[in-house]
Amino acid sequence: QVRLVESGGGSVQAGGALRLSCKV
């Protein structure tokens, strides 16, 4: 089985930053 799971999303003010991760 192959799974991809994203994380790191959220709500942020314009100009801010987020880091998304995908575990494969």
mmCIF file of all heavy atoms, coordinates in Angstrom:
data_MODEL
# 
_entry.id   MODEL 
# 
loop_
_atom_site.group_PDB 
_atom_site.id 
_atom_site.type_symbol 
_atom_site.label_atom_id 
_atom_site.label_alt_id 
_atom_site.label_comp_id 
_atom_site.label_asym_id 
_atom_site.label_entity_id 
_atom_site.label_seq_id 
_atom_site.pdbx_PDB_ins_code 
_atom_site.Cartn_x 
_atom_site.Cartn_y 
_atom_site.Cartn_z 
_atom_site.occupancy 
_atom_site.B_iso_or_equiv 
_atom_site.pdbx_formal_charge 
_atom_site.auth_seq_id 
_atom_site.auth_comp_id 
_atom_site.auth_asym_id 
_atom_site.auth_atom_id 
_atom_site.pdbx_PDB_model_num 
ATOM 1   N N   . GLN A 1 1  ? 0.834  -1.180 0.000  1.00 0.00 ? 1  GLN A N   1 
ATOM 2   C CA  . GLN A 1 1  ? 0.000  0.000  0.000  1.00 0.00 ? 1  GLN A CA  1 
ATOM 3   C C   . GLN A 1 1  ? 0.881  1.246  0.000  1.00 0.00 ? 1  GLN A C   1 
ATOM 4   O O   . GLN A 1 1  ? 1.863  1.311  0.732  1.00 0.00 ? 1  GLN A O   1 
ATOM 5   C CB  . GLN A 1 1  ? -0.924 0.010  1.219  1.00 0.00 ? 1  GLN A CB  1 
ATOM 6   C CG  . GLN A 1 1  ? -1.836 1.204  1.266  1.00 0.00 ? 1  GLN A CG  1 
ATOM 7   C CD  . GLN A 1 1  ? -2.674 1.254  2.535  1.00 0.00 ? 1  GLN A CD  1 
ATOM 8   O OE1 . GLN A 1 1  ? -2.355 0.585  3.518  1.00 0.00 ? 1  GLN A OE1 1 
ATOM 9   N NE2 . GLN A 1 1  ? -3.717 2.048  2.505  1.00 0.00 ? 1  GLN A NE2 1 
ATOM 10  N N   . VAL A 1 2  ? 0.518  2.216  -0.826 1.00 0.00 ? 2  VAL A N   1 
ATOM 11  C CA  . VAL A 1 2  ? 1.195  3.504  -0.871 1.00 0.00 ? 2  VAL A CA  1 
ATOM 12  C C   . VAL A 1 2  ? 0.221  4.556  -0.367 1.00 0.00 ? 2  VAL A C   1 
ATOM 13  O O   . VAL A 1 2  ? -0.907 4.663  -0.849 1.00 0.00 ? 2  VAL A O   1 
ATOM 14  C CB  . VAL A 1 2  ? 1.661  3.847  -2.287 1.00 0.00 ? 2  VAL A CB  1 
ATOM 15  C CG1 . VAL A 1 2  ? 2.314  5.227  -2.305 1.00 0.00 ? 2  VAL A CG1 1 
ATOM 16  C CG2 . VAL A 1 2  ? 2.634  2.794  -2.784 1.00 0.00 ? 2  VAL A CG2 1 
ATOM 17  N N   . ARG A 1 3  ? 0.679  5.337  0.580  1.00 0.00 ? 3  ARG A N   1 
ATOM 18  C CA  . ARG A 1 3  ? -0.144 6.384  1.148  1.00 0.00 ? 3  ARG A CA  1 
ATOM 19  C C   . ARG A 1 3  ? 0.604  7.704  1.131  1.00 0.00 ? 3  ARG A C   1 
ATOM 20  O O   . ARG A 1 3  ? 1.814  7.750  1.346  1.00 0.00 ? 3  ARG A O   1 
ATOM 21  C CB  . ARG A 1 3  ? -0.541 6.055  2.583  1.00 0.00 ? 3  ARG A CB  1 
ATOM 22  C CG  . ARG A 1 3  ? -1.401 4.819  2.732  1.00 0.00 ? 3  ARG A CG  1 
ATOM 23  C CD  . ARG A 1 3  ? -1.661 4.542  4.199  1.00 0.00 ? 3  ARG A CD  1 
ATOM 24  N NE  . ARG A 1 3  ? -2.366 5.641  4.829  1.00 0.00 ? 3  ARG A NE  1 
ATOM 25  C CZ  . ARG A 1 3  ? -2.107 6.094  6.053  1.00 0.00 ? 3  ARG A CZ  1 
ATOM 26  N NH1 . ARG A 1 3  ? -1.140 5.524  6.773  1.00 0.00 ? 3  ARG A NH1 1 
ATOM 27  N NH2 . ARG A 1 3  ? -2.811 7.086  6.561  1.00 0.00 ? 3  ARG A NH2 1 
ATOM 28  N N   . LEU A 1 4  ? -0.122 8.767  0.869  1.00 0.00 ? 4  LEU A N   1 
ATOM 29  C CA  . LEU A 1 4  ? 0.400  10.117 0.941  1.00 0.00 ? 4  LEU A CA  1 
ATOM 30  C C   . LEU A 1 4  ? -0.472 10.884 1.918  1.00 0.00 ? 4  LEU A C   1 
ATOM 31  O O   . LEU A 1 4  ? -1.693 10.938 1.759  1.00 0.00 ? 4  LEU A O   1 
ATOM 32  C CB  . LEU A 1 4  ? 0.367  10.816 -0.422 1.00 0.00 ? 4  LEU A CB  1 
ATOM 33  C CG  . LEU A 1 4  ? 1.375  10.383 -1.489 1.00 0.00 ? 4  LEU A CG  1 
ATOM 34  C CD1 . LEU A 1 4  ? 1.021  9.017  -2.066 1.00 0.00 ? 4  LEU A CD1 1 
ATOM 35  C CD2 . LEU A 1 4  ? 1.422  11.426 -2.593 1.00 0.00 ? 4  LEU A CD2 1 
ATOM 36  N N   . VAL A 1 5  ? 0.155  11.463 2.908  1.00 0.00 ? 5  VAL A N   1 
ATOM 37  C CA  . VAL A 1 5  ? -0.581 12.176 3.937  1.00 0.00 ? 5  VAL A CA  1 
ATOM 38  C C   . VAL A 1 5  ? -0.003 13.570 4.086  1.00 0.00 ? 5  VAL A C   1 
ATOM 39  O O   . VAL A 1 5  ? 1.160  13.727 4.470  1.00 0.00 ? 5  VAL A O   1 
ATOM 40  C CB  . VAL A 1 5  ? -0.535 11.435 5.280  1.00 0.00 ? 5  VAL A CB  1 
ATOM 41  C CG1 . VAL A 1 5  ? -1.330 12.202 6.328  1.00 0.00 ? 5  VAL A CG1 1 
ATOM 42  C CG2 . VAL A 1 5  ? -1.085 10.023 5.131  1.00 0.00 ? 5  VAL A CG2 1 
ATOM 43  N N   . GLU A 1 6  ? -0.824 14.574 3.795  1.00 0.00 ? 6  GLU A N   1 
ATOM 44  C CA  . GLU A 1 6  ? -0.402 15.964 3.917  1.00 0.00 ? 6  GLU A CA  1 
ATOM 45  C C   . GLU A 1 6  ? -0.661 16.480 5.321  1.00 0.00 ? 6  GLU A C   1 
ATOM 46  O O   . GLU A 1 6  ? -1.585 16.045 6.004  1.00 0.00 ? 6  GLU A O   1 
ATOM 47  C CB  . GLU A 1 6  ? -1.149 16.856 2.921  1.00 0.00 ? 6  GLU A CB  1 
ATOM 48  C CG  . GLU A 1 6  ? -1.003 16.457 1.464  1.00 0.00 ? 6  GLU A CG  1 
ATOM 49  C CD  . GLU A 1 6  ? -2.155 15.607 0.983  1.00 0.00 ? 6  GLU A CD  1 
ATOM 50  O OE1 . GLU A 1 6  ? -2.813 14.945 1.815  1.00 0.00 ? 6  GLU A OE1 1 
ATOM 51  O OE2 . GLU A 1 6  ? -2.411 15.598 -0.238 1.00 0.00 ? 6  GLU A OE2 1 
ATOM 52  N N   . SER A 1 7  ? 0.138  17.447 5.701  1.00 0.00 ? 7  SER A N   1 
ATOM 53  C CA  . SER A 1 7  ? -0.068 18.132 6.963  1.00 0.00 ? 7  SER A CA  1 
ATOM 54  C C   . SER A 1 7  ? 0.515  19.533 6.854  1.00 0.00 ? 7  SER A C   1 
ATOM 55  O O   . SER A 1 7  ? 1.264  19.833 5.933  1.00 0.00 ? 7  SER A O   1 
ATOM 56  C CB  . SER A 1 7  ? 0.571  17.366 8.125  1.00 0.00 ? 7  SER A CB  1 
ATOM 57  O OG  . SER A 1 7  ? 1.978  17.283 7.966  1.00 0.00 ? 7  SER A OG  1 
ATOM 58  N N   . GLY A 1 8  ? 0.164  20.374 7.786  1.00 0.00 ? 8  GLY A N   1 
ATOM 59  C CA  . GLY A 1 8  ? 0.738  21.703 7.849  1.00 0.00 ? 8  GLY A CA  1 
ATOM 60  C C   . GLY A 1 8  ? -0.165 22.823 7.389  1.00 0.00 ? 8  GLY A C   1 
ATOM 61  O O   . GLY A 1 8  ? 0.203  23.997 7.510  1.00 0.00 ? 8  GLY A O   1 
ATOM 62  N N   . GLY A 1 9  ? -1.322 22.491 6.863  1.00 0.00 ? 9  GLY A N   1 
ATOM 63  C CA  . GLY A 1 9  ? -2.236 23.530 6.445  1.00 0.00 ? 9  GLY A CA  1 
ATOM 64  C C   . GLY A 1 9  ? -2.794 24.286 7.631  1.00 0.00 ? 9  GLY A C   1 
ATOM 65  O O   . GLY A 1 9  ? -2.669 23.874 8.784  1.00 0.00 ? 9  GLY A O   1 
ATOM 66  N N   . GLY A 1 10 ? -3.397 25.400 7.341  1.00 0.00 ? 10 GLY A N   1 
ATOM 67  C CA  . GLY A 1 10 ? -3.978 26.208 8.388  1.00 0.00 ? 10 GLY A CA  1 
ATOM 68  C C   . GLY A 1 10 ? -4.388 27.555 7.867  1.00 0.00 ? 10 GLY A C   1 
ATOM 69  O O   . GLY A 1 10 ? -4.428 27.794 6.655  1.00 0.00 ? 10 GLY A O   1 
ATOM 70  N N   . SER A 1 11 ? -4.686 28.430 8.779  1.00 0.00 ? 11 SER A N   1 
ATOM 71  C CA  . SER A 1 11 ? -5.091 29.788 8.451  1.00 0.00 ? 11 SER A CA  1 
ATOM 72  C C   . SER A 1 11 ? -3.981 30.748 8.845  1.00 0.00 ? 11 SER A C   1 
ATOM 73  O O   . SER A 1 11 ? -3.466 30.689 9.966  1.00 0.00 ? 11 SER A O   1 
ATOM 74  C CB  . SER A 1 11 ? -6.388 30.137 9.187  1.00 0.00 ? 11 SER A CB  1 
ATOM 75  O OG  . SER A 1 11 ? -6.819 31.440 8.858  1.00 0.00 ? 11 SER A OG  1 
ATOM 76  N N   . VAL A 1 12 ? -3.620 31.609 7.921  1.00 0.00 ? 12 VAL A N   1 
ATOM 77  C CA  . VAL A 1 12 ? -2.513 32.526 8.159  1.00 0.00 ? 12 VAL A CA  1 
ATOM 78  C C   . VAL A 1 12 ? -2.819 33.876 7.527  1.00 0.00 ? 12 VAL A C   1 
ATOM 79  O O   . VAL A 1 12 ? -3.502 33.958 6.503  1.00 0.00 ? 12 VAL A O   1 
ATOM 80  C CB  . VAL A 1 12 ? -1.193 31.943 7.598  1.00 0.00 ? 12 VAL A CB  1 
ATOM 81  C CG1 . VAL A 1 12 ? -1.273 31.799 6.081  1.00 0.00 ? 12 VAL A CG1 1 
ATOM 82  C CG2 . VAL A 1 12 ? 0.000  32.797 7.997  1.00 0.00 ? 12 VAL A CG2 1 
ATOM 83  N N   . GLN A 1 13 ? -2.321 34.909 8.146  1.00 0.00 ? 13 GLN A N   1 
ATOM 84  C CA  . GLN A 1 13 ? -2.509 36.255 7.609  1.00 0.00 ? 13 GLN A CA  1 
ATOM 85  C C   . GLN A 1 13 ? -1.641 36.455 6.374  1.00 0.00 ? 13 GLN A C   1 
ATOM 86  O O   . GLN A 1 13 ? -0.542 35.896 6.256  1.00 0.00 ? 13 GLN A O   1 
ATOM 87  C CB  . GLN A 1 13 ? -2.161 37.289 8.676  1.00 0.00 ? 13 GLN A CB  1 
ATOM 88  C CG  . GLN A 1 13 ? -2.505 38.717 8.293  1.00 0.00 ? 13 GLN A CG  1 
ATOM 89  C CD  . GLN A 1 13 ? -2.306 39.686 9.447  1.00 0.00 ? 13 GLN A CD  1 
ATOM 90  O OE1 . GLN A 1 13 ? -1.634 39.379 10.419 1.00 0.00 ? 13 GLN A OE1 1 
ATOM 91  N NE2 . GLN A 1 13 ? -2.895 40.854 9.337  1.00 0.00 ? 13 GLN A NE2 1 
ATOM 92  N N   . ALA A 1 14 ? -2.134 37.246 5.459  1.00 0.00 ? 14 ALA A N   1 
ATOM 93  C CA  . ALA A 1 14 ? -1.357 37.570 4.268  1.00 0.00 ? 14 ALA A CA  1 
ATOM 94  C C   . ALA A 1 14 ? 0.020  38.078 4.662  1.00 0.00 ? 14 ALA A C   1 
ATOM 95  O O   . ALA A 1 14 ? 0.168  38.885 5.581  1.00 0.00 ? 14 ALA A O   1 
ATOM 96  C CB  . ALA A 1 14 ? -2.085 38.608 3.424  1.00 0.00 ? 14 ALA A CB  1 
ATOM 97  N N   . GLY A 1 15 ? 1.011  37.594 3.949  1.00 0.00 ? 15 GLY A N   1 
ATOM 98  C CA  . GLY A 1 15 ? 2.388  37.926 4.259  1.00 0.00 ? 15 GLY A CA  1 
ATOM 99  C C   . GLY A 1 15 ? 3.070  36.911 5.151  1.00 0.00 ? 15 GLY A C   1 
ATOM 100 O O   . GLY A 1 15 ? 4.301  36.931 5.282  1.00 0.00 ? 15 GLY A O   1 
ATOM 101 N N   . GLY A 1 16 ? 2.280  36.034 5.735  1.00 0.00 ? 16 GLY A N   1 
ATOM 102 C CA  . GLY A 1 16 ? 2.821  35.018 6.608  1.00 0.00 ? 16 GLY A CA  1 
ATOM 103 C C   . GLY A 1 16 ? 3.329  33.817 5.846  1.00 0.00 ? 16 GLY A C   1 
ATOM 104 O O   . GLY A 1 16 ? 3.433  33.826 4.617  1.00 0.00 ? 16 GLY A O   1 
ATOM 105 N N   . ALA A 1 17 ? 3.625  32.772 6.589  1.00 0.00 ? 17 ALA A N   1 
ATOM 106 C CA  . ALA A 1 17 ? 4.220  31.587 5.998  1.00 0.00 ? 17 ALA A CA  1 
ATOM 107 C C   . ALA A 1 17 ? 3.637  30.318 6.594  1.00 0.00 ? 17 ALA A C   1 
ATOM 108 O O   . ALA A 1 17 ? 3.184  30.298 7.747  1.00 0.00 ? 17 ALA A O   1 
ATOM 109 C CB  . ALA A 1 17 ? 5.736  31.596 6.201  1.00 0.00 ? 17 ALA A CB  1 
ATOM 110 N N   . LEU A 1 18 ? 3.655  29.285 5.803  1.00 0.00 ? 18 LEU A N   1 
ATOM 111 C CA  . LEU A 1 18 ? 3.286  27.954 6.231  1.00 0.00 ? 18 LEU A CA  1 
ATOM 112 C C   . LEU A 1 18 ? 4.224  26.963 5.573  1.00 0.00 ? 18 LEU A C   1 
ATOM 113 O O   . LEU A 1 18 ? 4.760  27.229 4.496  1.00 0.00 ? 18 LEU A O   1 
ATOM 114 C CB  . LEU A 1 18 ? 1.844  27.608 5.843  1.00 0.00 ? 18 LEU A CB  1 
ATOM 115 C CG  . LEU A 1 18 ? 0.705  28.266 6.606  1.00 0.00 ? 18 LEU A CG  1 
ATOM 116 C CD1 . LEU A 1 18 ? -0.622 27.923 5.934  1.00 0.00 ? 18 LEU A CD1 1 
ATOM 117 C CD2 . LEU A 1 18 ? 0.696  27.811 8.059  1.00 0.00 ? 18 LEU A CD2 1 
ATOM 118 N N   . ARG A 1 19 ? 4.391  25.837 6.219  1.00 0.00 ? 19 ARG A N   1 
ATOM 119 C CA  . ARG A 1 19 ? 5.175  24.764 5.643  1.00 0.00 ? 19 ARG A CA  1 
ATOM 120 C C   . ARG A 1 19 ? 4.316  23.514 5.598  1.00 0.00 ? 19 ARG A C   1 
ATOM 121 O O   . ARG A 1 19 ? 3.871  23.023 6.638  1.00 0.00 ? 19 ARG A O   1 
ATOM 122 C CB  . ARG A 1 19 ? 6.437  24.504 6.452  1.00 0.00 ? 19 ARG A CB  1 
ATOM 123 C CG  . ARG A 1 19 ? 7.360  23.445 5.837  1.00 0.00 ? 19 ARG A CG  1 
ATOM 124 C CD  . ARG A 1 19 ? 8.643  23.289 6.637  1.00 0.00 ? 19 ARG A CD  1 
ATOM 125 N NE  . ARG A 1 19 ? 9.532  22.288 6.086  1.00 0.00 ? 19 ARG A NE  1 
ATOM 126 C CZ  . ARG A 1 19 ? 10.421 22.511 5.130  1.00 0.00 ? 19 ARG A CZ  1 
ATOM 127 N NH1 . ARG A 1 19 ? 10.546 23.738 4.612  1.00 0.00 ? 19 ARG A NH1 1 
ATOM 128 N NH2 . ARG A 1 19 ? 11.204 21.534 4.685  1.00 0.00 ? 19 ARG A NH2 1 
ATOM 129 N N   . LEU A 1 20 ? 4.085  23.033 4.404  1.00 0.00 ? 20 LEU A N   1 
ATOM 130 C CA  . LEU A 1 20 ? 3.321  21.819 4.213  1.00 0.00 ? 20 LEU A CA  1 
ATOM 131 C C   . LEU A 1 20 ? 4.257  20.630 4.094  1.00 0.00 ? 20 LEU A C   1 
ATOM 132 O O   . LEU A 1 20 ? 5.343  20.736 3.518  1.00 0.00 ? 20 LEU A O   1 
ATOM 133 C CB  . LEU A 1 20 ? 2.462  21.908 2.953  1.00 0.00 ? 20 LEU A CB  1 
ATOM 134 C CG  . LEU A 1 20 ? 1.541  23.118 2.819  1.00 0.00 ? 20 LEU A CG  1 
ATOM 135 C CD1 . LEU A 1 20 ? 0.719  22.996 1.549  1.00 0.00 ? 20 LEU A CD1 1 
ATOM 136 C CD2 . LEU A 1 20 ? 0.647  23.262 4.041  1.00 0.00 ? 20 LEU A CD2 1 
ATOM 137 N N   . SER A 1 21 ? 3.819  19.514 4.614  1.00 0.00 ? 21 SER A N   1 
ATOM 138 C CA  . SER A 1 21 ? 4.596  18.296 4.516  1.00 0.00 ? 21 SER A CA  1 
ATOM 139 C C   . SER A 1 21 ? 3.730  17.179 3.975  1.00 0.00 ? 21 SER A C   1 
ATOM 140 O O   . SER A 1 21 ? 2.533  17.117 4.254  1.00 0.00 ? 21 SER A O   1 
ATOM 141 C CB  . SER A 1 21 ? 5.157  17.890 5.885  1.00 0.00 ? 21 SER A CB  1 
ATOM 142 O OG  . SER A 1 21 ? 6.082  18.842 6.359  1.00 0.00 ? 21 SER A OG  1 
ATOM 143 N N   . CYS A 1 22 ? 4.354  16.319 3.210  1.00 0.00 ? 22 CYS A N   1 
ATOM 144 C CA  . CYS A 1 22 ? 3.684  15.157 2.660  1.00 0.00 ? 22 CYS A CA  1 
ATOM 145 C C   . CYS A 1 22 ? 4.511  13.934 3.009  1.00 0.00 ? 22 CYS A C   1 
ATOM 146 O O   . CYS A 1 22 ? 5.642  13.794 2.530  1.00 0.00 ? 22 CYS A O   1 
ATOM 147 C CB  . CYS A 1 22 ? 3.522  15.289 1.145  1.00 0.00 ? 22 CYS A CB  1 
ATOM 148 S SG  . CYS A 1 22 ? 2.813  13.838 0.332  1.00 0.00 ? 22 CYS A SG  1 
ATOM 149 N N   . LYS A 1 23 ? 3.961  13.103 3.833  1.00 0.00 ? 23 LYS A N   1 
ATOM 150 C CA  . LYS A 1 23 ? 4.622  11.859 4.191  1.00 0.00 ? 23 LYS A CA  1 
ATOM 151 C C   . LYS A 1 23 ? 4.230  10.798 3.178  1.00 0.00 ? 23 LYS A C   1 
ATOM 152 O O   . LYS A 1 23 ? 3.042  10.535 2.981  1.00 0.00 ? 23 LYS A O   1 
ATOM 153 C CB  . LYS A 1 23 ? 4.224  11.427 5.595  1.00 0.00 ? 23 LYS A CB  1 
ATOM 154 C CG  . LYS A 1 23 ? 4.834  10.113 6.047  1.00 0.00 ? 23 LYS A CG  1 
ATOM 155 C CD  . LYS A 1 23 ? 6.336  10.236 6.246  1.00 0.00 ? 23 LYS A CD  1 
ATOM 156 C CE  . LYS A 1 23 ? 6.909  8.947  6.819  1.00 0.00 ? 23 LYS A CE  1 
ATOM 157 N NZ  . LYS A 1 23 ? 8.372  9.046  7.012  1.00 0.00 ? 23 LYS A NZ  1 
ATOM 158 N N   . VAL A 1 24 ? 5.230  10.212 2.538  1.00 0.00 ? 24 VAL A N   1 
ATOM 159 C CA  . VAL A 1 24 ? 4.998  9.231  1.493  1.00 0.00 ? 24 VAL A CA  1 
ATOM 160 C C   . VAL A 1 24 ? 5.423  7.866  1.986  1.00 0.00 ? 24 VAL A C   1 
ATOM 161 O O   . VAL A 1 24 ? 6.596  7.646  2.285  1.00 0.00 ? 24 VAL A O   1 
ATOM 162 C CB  . VAL A 1 24 ? 5.761  9.574  0.206  1.00 0.00 ? 24 VAL A CB  1 
ATOM 163 C CG1 . VAL A 1 24 ? 5.446  8.549  -0.880 1.00 0.00 ? 24 VAL A CG1 1 
ATOM 164 C CG2 . VAL A 1 24 ? 5.421  10.973 -0.261 1.00 0.00 ? 24 VAL A CG2 1 
# 
